[in-house]
Amino acid sequence: MYLAVAVETKVGPSRKQDYKIWYLEISGGGKVQSIGVKTKEELLASIFENYKLTKKTNWRCFQKDREKSTPIEIFDFIAMNAGQNTHFGNLPTLSEFQGTLHALQTNLELKSIA
């Protein structure tokens, strides 16, 4: 399973829809296996591929205004304008998520390198 935890958007009005999603890959036992970053296009490809293979997206999203994660469904992308999604507007920014990591005293720092 994958858990989207933060969004990193590009600066400028023409690049507003150009974002990256930071995510955790979670094992069946609930342990974090890896941390990764996907572009919007890569995320969509992963969602469609997972759905094609398993009839589930295997993606969840931990929004900043919620106490529980919610599934990311294919219809979330179809129902919105191209490039928009109801989940990612409510994801914490990378710096907000880093603040959460500091509060948990994890000694883990996430930074964009490109």
C-alpha atoms as a PDB file:
ATOM      1  CA  MET A   1       0.000   0.000   0.000  1.00  0.00           C
ATOM      2  CA  TYR A   2       1.079   3.584  -0.639  1.00  0.00           C
ATOM      3  CA  LEU A   3       0.244   6.534   1.596  1.00  0.00           C
ATOM      4  CA  ALA A   4       0.467  10.040   0.090  1.00  0.00           C
ATOM      5  CA  VAL A   5       1.722  12.351   2.868  1.00  0.00           C
ATOM      6  CA  ALA A   6       2.846  15.643   1.304  1.00  0.00           C
ATOM      7  CA  VAL A   7       2.575  17.713  -1.852  1.00  0.00           C
ATOM      8  CA  GLU A   8       5.306  19.817  -3.432  1.00  0.00           C
ATOM      9  CA  THR A   9       4.015  22.345  -5.953  1.00  0.00           C
ATOM     10  CA  LYS A  10       5.963  24.403  -8.455  1.00  0.00           C
ATOM     11  CA  VAL A  11       6.027  28.179  -8.066  1.00  0.00           C
ATOM     12  CA  GLY A  12       4.139  30.337 -10.554  1.00  0.00           C
ATOM     13  CA  PRO A  13       0.569  30.402 -11.818  1.00  0.00           C
ATOM     14  CA  SER A  14       1.377  28.579 -15.057  1.00  0.00           C
ATOM     15  CA  ARG A  15       2.948  25.681 -13.116  1.00  0.00           C
ATOM     16  CA  LYS A  16       0.310  25.365 -10.379  1.00  0.00           C
ATOM     17  CA  GLN A  17      -0.832  21.960 -11.647  1.00  0.00           C
ATOM     18  CA  ASP A  18       2.769  20.709 -11.844  1.00  0.00           C
ATOM     19  CA  TYR A  19       3.221  18.977  -8.511  1.00  0.00           C
ATOM     20  CA  LYS A  20       4.987  16.049  -6.896  1.00  0.00           C
ATOM     21  CA  ILE A  21       3.515  13.760  -4.274  1.00  0.00           C
ATOM     22  CA  TRP A  22       5.668  12.441  -1.434  1.00  0.00           C
ATOM     23  CA  TYR A  23       4.533   9.025  -0.236  1.00  0.00           C
ATOM     24  CA  LEU A  24       5.341   6.170   2.115  1.00  0.00           C
ATOM     25  CA  GLU A  25       5.285   2.575   0.923  1.00  0.00           C
ATOM     26  CA  ILE A  26       3.692   0.504   3.687  1.00  0.00           C
ATOM     27  CA  SER A  27       4.072  -3.277   4.073  1.00  0.00           C
ATOM     28  CA  GLY A  28       1.153  -5.586   4.801  1.00  0.00           C
ATOM     29  CA  GLY A  29       2.233  -5.513   8.449  1.00  0.00           C
ATOM     30  CA  GLY A  30       1.954  -1.719   8.595  1.00  0.00           C
ATOM     31  CA  LYS A  31       5.692  -0.921   8.561  1.00  0.00           C
ATOM     32  CA  VAL A  32       7.218   1.785   6.371  1.00  0.00           C
ATOM     33  CA  GLN A  33       9.311   0.124   3.679  1.00  0.00           C
ATOM     34  CA  SER A  34      10.362   3.184   1.702  1.00  0.00           C
ATOM     35  CA  ILE A  35       9.801   6.875   1.075  1.00  0.00           C
ATOM     36  CA  GLY A  36       9.356   8.107  -2.465  1.00  0.00           C
ATOM     37  CA  VAL A  37       8.283  10.938  -4.737  1.00  0.00           C
ATOM     38  CA  LYS A  38       6.085  10.703  -7.817  1.00  0.00           C
ATOM     39  CA  THR A  39       4.979  13.298 -10.315  1.00  0.00           C
ATOM     40  CA  LYS A  40       1.260  13.650 -10.922  1.00  0.00           C
ATOM     41  CA  GLU A  41       1.606  11.607 -14.125  1.00  0.00           C
ATOM     42  CA  GLU A  42       3.555   8.824 -12.391  1.00  0.00           C
ATOM     43  CA  LEU A  43       0.992   8.695  -9.591  1.00  0.00           C
ATOM     44  CA  LEU A  44      -1.891   8.406 -12.060  1.00  0.00           C
ATOM     45  CA  ALA A  45      -0.069   5.632 -13.932  1.00  0.00           C
ATOM     46  CA  SER A  46       0.483   3.764 -10.645  1.00  0.00           C
ATOM     47  CA  ILE A  47      -3.163   4.135  -9.610  1.00  0.00           C
ATOM     48  CA  PHE A  48      -4.406   2.826 -12.962  1.00  0.00           C
ATOM     49  CA  GLU A  49      -1.878  -0.034 -12.998  1.00  0.00           C
ATOM     50  CA  ASN A  50      -2.782  -1.126  -9.445  1.00  0.00           C
ATOM     51  CA  TYR A  51      -6.469  -0.977 -10.302  1.00  0.00           C
ATOM     52  CA  LYS A  52      -5.945  -3.001 -13.459  1.00  0.00           C
ATOM     53  CA  LEU A  53      -4.094  -5.725 -11.532  1.00  0.00           C
ATOM     54  CA  THR A  54      -5.993  -5.823  -8.228  1.00  0.00           C
ATOM     55  CA  LYS A  55      -9.255  -3.890  -8.787  1.00  0.00           C
ATOM     56  CA  LYS A  56      -8.069  -1.532  -6.025  1.00  0.00           C
ATOM     57  CA  THR A  57      -5.836   1.507  -6.279  1.00  0.00           C
ATOM     58  CA  ASN A  58      -3.621   0.568  -3.282  1.00  0.00           C
ATOM     59  CA  TRP A  59      -3.190   4.313  -2.659  1.00  0.00           C
ATOM     60  CA  ARG A  60      -4.374   6.254   0.370  1.00  0.00           C
ATOM     61  CA  CYS A  61      -4.005   9.897   1.292  1.00  0.00           C
ATOM     62  CA  PHE A  62      -3.436  11.471   4.707  1.00  0.00           C
ATOM     63  CA  GLN A  63      -5.013  14.919   4.432  1.00  0.00           C
ATOM     64  CA  LYS A  64      -4.152  17.642   6.931  1.00  0.00           C
ATOM     65  CA  ASP A  65      -7.767  18.170   8.004  1.00  0.00           C
ATOM     66  CA  ARG A  66      -8.450  14.486   8.722  1.00  0.00           C
ATOM     67  CA  GLU A  67      -7.560  12.052  11.482  1.00  0.00           C
ATOM     68  CA  LYS A  68      -7.646   8.991   9.211  1.00  0.00           C
ATOM     69  CA  SER A  69      -6.342   8.339   5.744  1.00  0.00           C
ATOM     70  CA  THR A  70      -8.774   8.024   2.857  1.00  0.00           C
ATOM     71  CA  PRO A  71      -8.504   5.951  -0.322  1.00  0.00           C
ATOM     72  CA  ILE A  72      -7.504   7.660  -3.554  1.00  0.00           C
ATOM     73  CA  GLU A  73      -9.911   6.437  -6.208  1.00  0.00           C
ATOM     74  CA  ILE A  74      -9.769   6.717  -9.982  1.00  0.00           C
ATOM     75  CA  PHE A  75     -13.024   8.706 -10.021  1.00  0.00           C
ATOM     76  CA  ASP A  76     -11.316  11.392  -7.908  1.00  0.00           C
ATOM     77  CA  PHE A  77      -9.355  12.342 -11.020  1.00  0.00           C
ATOM     78  CA  ILE A  78     -12.173  11.835 -13.512  1.00  0.00           C
ATOM     79  CA  ALA A  79     -14.660  13.986 -11.594  1.00  0.00           C
ATOM     80  CA  MET A  80     -12.371  17.029 -11.453  1.00  0.00           C
ATOM     81  CA  ASN A  81     -10.927  19.266 -14.150  1.00  0.00           C
ATOM     82  CA  ALA A  82      -7.786  17.965 -15.767  1.00  0.00           C
ATOM     83  CA  GLY A  83      -4.891  18.282 -13.354  1.00  0.00           C
ATOM     84  CA  GLN A  84      -7.021  18.726 -10.245  1.00  0.00           C
ATOM     85  CA  ASN A  85      -7.770  16.282  -7.464  1.00  0.00           C
ATOM     86  CA  THR A  86      -9.760  16.658  -4.279  1.00  0.00           C
ATOM     87  CA  HIS A  87      -7.080  14.953  -2.183  1.00  0.00           C
ATOM     88  CA  PHE A  88      -3.920  16.822  -3.033  1.00  0.00           C
ATOM     89  CA  GLY A  89      -5.224  20.294  -2.268  1.00  0.00           C
ATOM     90  CA  ASN A  90      -5.568  19.108   1.335  1.00  0.00           C
ATOM     91  CA  LEU A  91      -2.217  17.375   1.630  1.00  0.00           C
ATOM     92  CA  PRO A  92       0.337  19.055   3.863  1.00  0.00           C
ATOM     93  CA  THR A  93       3.153  20.837   2.075  1.00  0.00           C
ATOM     94  CA  LEU A  94       6.585  19.290   2.330  1.00  0.00           C
ATOM     95  CA  SER A  95       7.604  21.807   5.017  1.00  0.00           C
ATOM     96  CA  GLU A  96       4.390  21.159   6.996  1.00  0.00           C
ATOM     97  CA  PHE A  97       5.038  17.419   6.879  1.00  0.00           C
ATOM     98  CA  GLN A  98       8.639  18.026   7.964  1.00  0.00           C
ATOM     99  CA  GLY A  99       7.244  19.908  10.978  1.00  0.00           C
ATOM    100  CA  THR A 100       5.228  16.798  11.860  1.00  0.00           C
ATOM    101  CA  LEU A 101       8.353  14.652  11.616  1.00  0.00           C
ATOM    102  CA  HIS A 102      10.194  17.045  13.946  1.00  0.00           C
ATOM    103  CA  ALA A 103       7.312  16.901  16.429  1.00  0.00           C
ATOM    104  CA  LEU A 104       7.571  13.103  16.381  1.00  0.00           C
ATOM    105  CA  GLN A 105      11.328  13.406  16.990  1.00  0.00           C
ATOM    106  CA  THR A 106      12.150  11.097  14.111  1.00  0.00           C
ATOM    107  CA  ASN A 107      15.549  12.585  13.150  1.00  0.00           C
ATOM    108  CA  LEU A 108      14.499  12.253   9.518  1.00  0.00           C
ATOM    109  CA  GLU A 109      14.675  15.176   7.113  1.00  0.00           C
ATOM    110  CA  LEU A 110      12.962  15.320   3.707  1.00  0.00           C
ATOM    111  CA  LYS A 111      14.188  17.794   1.099  1.00  0.00           C
ATOM    112  CA  SER A 112      13.526  18.265  -2.557  1.00  0.00           C
ATOM    113  CA  ILE A 113      16.739  17.867  -4.532  1.00  0.00           C
ATOM    114  CA  ALA A 114      15.481  18.684  -8.007  1.00  0.00           C
END
